[in-house]
Amino acid sequence: MFDINGWELLLLGVLAVLVLGPERLPEYAAKFGRFVRQARAMADRAKEQLKEEMGPEFSDVDWRAYDPRQYDPRKIVRDALSAPDEPVDPYVDKPVSVPKGHDPSVATPWDSEAT
């Protein structure tokens, strides 16, 4: 949640002992525990209130589709590079017809009256 590793947590504990002192540390630890429980209860109440206000559609939402952690830039680039060679129209998700390039084995059409 706070992205704290073991060494950082140990350092915070040592700093708390030094700043608060060993006699006041249990009191502040209990206060911190109550604060965490109250914050968790507030978050749960807000979630329940949101569910009540949103109605039954709220439970039908696929929240994993909106998770920003799924957008890995390496995966996006890999998928783009391995895409099919024919272009795809993003609005209809179908291949687009591309005009063919010049074929040197076929004579170029020429109109004698155009010049």
C-alpha atoms as a PDB file:
ATOM      1  CA  MET A   1       0.000   0.000   0.000  1.00  0.00           C
ATOM      2  CA  PHE A   2       2.698   2.476   1.002  1.00  0.00           C
ATOM      3  CA  ASP A   3       5.422   0.683  -1.008  1.00  0.00           C
ATOM      4  CA  ILE A   4       7.723   0.349   2.013  1.00  0.00           C
ATOM      5  CA  ASN A   5      10.268  -2.456   2.017  1.00  0.00           C
ATOM      6  CA  GLY A   6      11.641  -4.201   5.102  1.00  0.00           C
ATOM      7  CA  TRP A   7      14.645  -1.940   5.660  1.00  0.00           C
ATOM      8  CA  GLU A   8      12.561   1.215   5.407  1.00  0.00           C
ATOM      9  CA  LEU A   9      10.036  -0.194   7.898  1.00  0.00           C
ATOM     10  CA  LEU A  10      12.849  -1.082  10.311  1.00  0.00           C
ATOM     11  CA  LEU A  11      14.314   2.415   9.970  1.00  0.00           C
ATOM     12  CA  LEU A  12      10.893   3.982  10.652  1.00  0.00           C
ATOM     13  CA  GLY A  13      10.538   1.820  13.769  1.00  0.00           C
ATOM     14  CA  VAL A  14      13.945   2.881  15.087  1.00  0.00           C
ATOM     15  CA  LEU A  15      13.132   6.537  14.410  1.00  0.00           C
ATOM     16  CA  ALA A  16       9.799   6.157  16.226  1.00  0.00           C
ATOM     17  CA  VAL A  17      11.538   4.689  19.270  1.00  0.00           C
ATOM     18  CA  LEU A  18      14.086   7.516  19.261  1.00  0.00           C
ATOM     19  CA  VAL A  19      11.561  10.334  18.759  1.00  0.00           C
ATOM     20  CA  LEU A  20       8.699   9.071  20.932  1.00  0.00           C
ATOM     21  CA  GLY A  21      10.633   7.124  23.485  1.00  0.00           C
ATOM     22  CA  PRO A  22       9.872   3.609  24.677  1.00  0.00           C
ATOM     23  CA  GLU A  23       7.306   4.751  27.278  1.00  0.00           C
ATOM     24  CA  ARG A  24       5.011   6.561  24.785  1.00  0.00           C
ATOM     25  CA  LEU A  25       5.479   4.181  21.823  1.00  0.00           C
ATOM     26  CA  PRO A  26       2.698   1.677  22.811  1.00  0.00           C
ATOM     27  CA  GLU A  27       0.217   4.530  23.204  1.00  0.00           C
ATOM     28  CA  TYR A  28       0.976   5.924  19.738  1.00  0.00           C
ATOM     29  CA  ALA A  29       0.966   2.457  18.197  1.00  0.00           C
ATOM     30  CA  ALA A  30      -2.547   1.919  19.587  1.00  0.00           C
ATOM     31  CA  LYS A  31      -3.635   5.309  18.217  1.00  0.00           C
ATOM     32  CA  PHE A  32      -2.213   4.412  14.805  1.00  0.00           C
ATOM     33  CA  GLY A  33      -4.050   1.054  14.886  1.00  0.00           C
ATOM     34  CA  ARG A  34      -7.352   2.799  15.667  1.00  0.00           C
ATOM     35  CA  PHE A  35      -6.721   5.286  12.850  1.00  0.00           C
ATOM     36  CA  VAL A  36      -6.114   2.465  10.348  1.00  0.00           C
ATOM     37  CA  ARG A  37      -9.311   0.667  11.441  1.00  0.00           C
ATOM     38  CA  GLN A  38     -11.335   3.898  11.150  1.00  0.00           C
ATOM     39  CA  ALA A  39      -9.902   4.653   7.699  1.00  0.00           C
ATOM     40  CA  ARG A  40     -10.692   1.123   6.529  1.00  0.00           C
ATOM     41  CA  ALA A  41     -14.249   1.400   7.897  1.00  0.00           C
ATOM     42  CA  MET A  42     -14.728   4.759   6.151  1.00  0.00           C
ATOM     43  CA  ALA A  43     -13.515   3.280   2.861  1.00  0.00           C
ATOM     44  CA  ASP A  44     -15.874   0.307   3.233  1.00  0.00           C
ATOM     45  CA  ARG A  45     -18.829   2.608   3.987  1.00  0.00           C
ATOM     46  CA  ALA A  46     -18.010   4.781   0.976  1.00  0.00           C
ATOM     47  CA  LYS A  47     -17.813   1.689  -1.228  1.00  0.00           C
ATOM     48  CA  GLU A  48     -21.180   0.421   0.038  1.00  0.00           C
ATOM     49  CA  GLN A  49     -22.757   3.845  -0.457  1.00  0.00           C
ATOM     50  CA  LEU A  50     -21.424   3.971  -4.007  1.00  0.00           C
ATOM     51  CA  LYS A  51     -22.841   0.504  -4.708  1.00  0.00           C
ATOM     52  CA  GLU A  52     -26.248   1.593  -3.380  1.00  0.00           C
ATOM     53  CA  GLU A  53     -26.291   4.769  -5.472  1.00  0.00           C
ATOM     54  CA  MET A  54     -25.050   3.101  -8.662  1.00  0.00           C
ATOM     55  CA  GLY A  55     -27.588   0.314  -8.477  1.00  0.00           C
ATOM     56  CA  PRO A  56     -27.244  -3.169  -9.940  1.00  0.00           C
ATOM     57  CA  GLU A  57     -25.125  -1.960 -12.882  1.00  0.00           C
ATOM     58  CA  PHE A  58     -22.235  -1.361 -10.480  1.00  0.00           C
ATOM     59  CA  SER A  59     -21.718  -5.075  -9.907  1.00  0.00           C
ATOM     60  CA  ASP A  60     -21.734  -5.764 -13.661  1.00  0.00           C
ATOM     61  CA  VAL A  61     -18.692  -3.548 -14.323  1.00  0.00           C
ATOM     62  CA  ASP A  62     -15.464  -5.390 -15.107  1.00  0.00           C
ATOM     63  CA  TRP A  63     -13.067  -3.348 -12.956  1.00  0.00           C
ATOM     64  CA  ARG A  64     -10.026  -5.276 -14.203  1.00  0.00           C
ATOM     65  CA  ALA A  65     -10.518  -3.708 -17.620  1.00  0.00           C
ATOM     66  CA  TYR A  66      -9.927  -0.286 -16.075  1.00  0.00           C
ATOM     67  CA  ASP A  67      -6.815  -1.261 -14.125  1.00  0.00           C
ATOM     68  CA  PRO A  68      -3.921   0.928 -15.350  1.00  0.00           C
ATOM     69  CA  ARG A  69      -1.391  -1.737 -14.376  1.00  0.00           C
ATOM     70  CA  GLN A  70      -2.458  -3.837 -17.366  1.00  0.00           C
ATOM     71  CA  TYR A  71      -1.043  -1.284 -19.810  1.00  0.00           C
ATOM     72  CA  ASP A  72       2.558  -2.412 -20.076  1.00  0.00           C
ATOM     73  CA  PRO A  73       4.412  -0.317 -22.694  1.00  0.00           C
ATOM     74  CA  ARG A  74       6.540  -3.322 -23.680  1.00  0.00           C
ATOM     75  CA  LYS A  75       3.413  -5.381 -24.423  1.00  0.00           C
ATOM     76  CA  ILE A  76       1.837  -2.537 -26.408  1.00  0.00           C
ATOM     77  CA  VAL A  77       4.958  -2.139 -28.572  1.00  0.00           C
ATOM     78  CA  ARG A  78       5.318  -5.916 -29.015  1.00  0.00           C
ATOM     79  CA  ASP A  79       1.672  -6.199 -30.111  1.00  0.00           C
ATOM     80  CA  ALA A  80       2.044  -3.271 -32.514  1.00  0.00           C
ATOM     81  CA  LEU A  81       5.152  -4.773 -34.097  1.00  0.00           C
ATOM     82  CA  SER A  82       3.579  -8.198 -34.491  1.00  0.00           C
ATOM     83  CA  ALA A  83       0.400  -6.795 -36.060  1.00  0.00           C
ATOM     84  CA  PRO A  84      -0.647  -8.098 -39.469  1.00  0.00           C
ATOM     85  CA  ASP A  85       0.850  -6.410 -42.518  1.00  0.00           C
ATOM     86  CA  GLU A  86      -2.486  -5.272 -43.901  1.00  0.00           C
ATOM     87  CA  PRO A  87      -3.808  -2.072 -42.325  1.00  0.00           C
ATOM     88  CA  VAL A  88      -6.920  -2.275 -40.184  1.00  0.00           C
ATOM     89  CA  ASP A  89      -9.572   0.421 -39.925  1.00  0.00           C
ATOM     90  CA  PRO A  90      -9.785   1.131 -36.156  1.00  0.00           C
ATOM     91  CA  TYR A  91     -13.441   2.149 -36.360  1.00  0.00           C
ATOM     92  CA  VAL A  92     -14.784  -1.057 -37.889  1.00  0.00           C
ATOM     93  CA  ASP A  93     -11.886  -3.423 -37.049  1.00  0.00           C
ATOM     94  CA  LYS A  94     -11.721  -4.756 -40.624  1.00  0.00           C
ATOM     95  CA  PRO A  95      -8.855  -4.788 -43.105  1.00  0.00           C
ATOM     96  CA  VAL A  96      -8.672  -1.793 -45.432  1.00  0.00           C
ATOM     97  CA  SER A  97      -8.083  -2.281 -49.152  1.00  0.00           C
ATOM     98  CA  VAL A  98      -4.765  -0.747 -50.138  1.00  0.00           C
ATOM     99  CA  PRO A  99      -3.984   0.249 -53.721  1.00  0.00           C
ATOM    100  CA  LYS A 100      -1.315  -1.955 -55.225  1.00  0.00           C
ATOM    101  CA  GLY A 101       2.094  -0.499 -55.966  1.00  0.00           C
ATOM    102  CA  HIS A 102       3.733  -0.286 -59.371  1.00  0.00           C
ATOM    103  CA  ASP A 103       4.413  -3.651 -60.983  1.00  0.00           C
ATOM    104  CA  PRO A 104       7.401  -3.291 -63.323  1.00  0.00           C
ATOM    105  CA  SER A 105       6.405  -6.382 -65.341  1.00  0.00           C
ATOM    106  CA  VAL A 106       3.143  -4.716 -66.442  1.00  0.00           C
ATOM    107  CA  ALA A 107       3.222  -1.922 -69.020  1.00  0.00           C
ATOM    108  CA  THR A 108       2.192   1.479 -67.688  1.00  0.00           C
ATOM    109  CA  PRO A 109      -1.125   2.664 -69.149  1.00  0.00           C
ATOM    110  CA  TRP A 110      -0.574   5.510 -71.557  1.00  0.00           C
ATOM    111  CA  ASP A 111      -3.112   7.771 -73.241  1.00  0.00           C
ATOM    112  CA  SER A 112      -1.856   9.280 -76.528  1.00  0.00           C
ATOM    113  CA  GLU A 113      -4.590  11.929 -76.539  1.00  0.00           C
ATOM    114  CA  ALA A 114      -3.793  13.191 -73.030  1.00  0.00           C
ATOM    115  CA  THR A 115      -0.569  14.927 -74.090  1.00  0.00           C
END
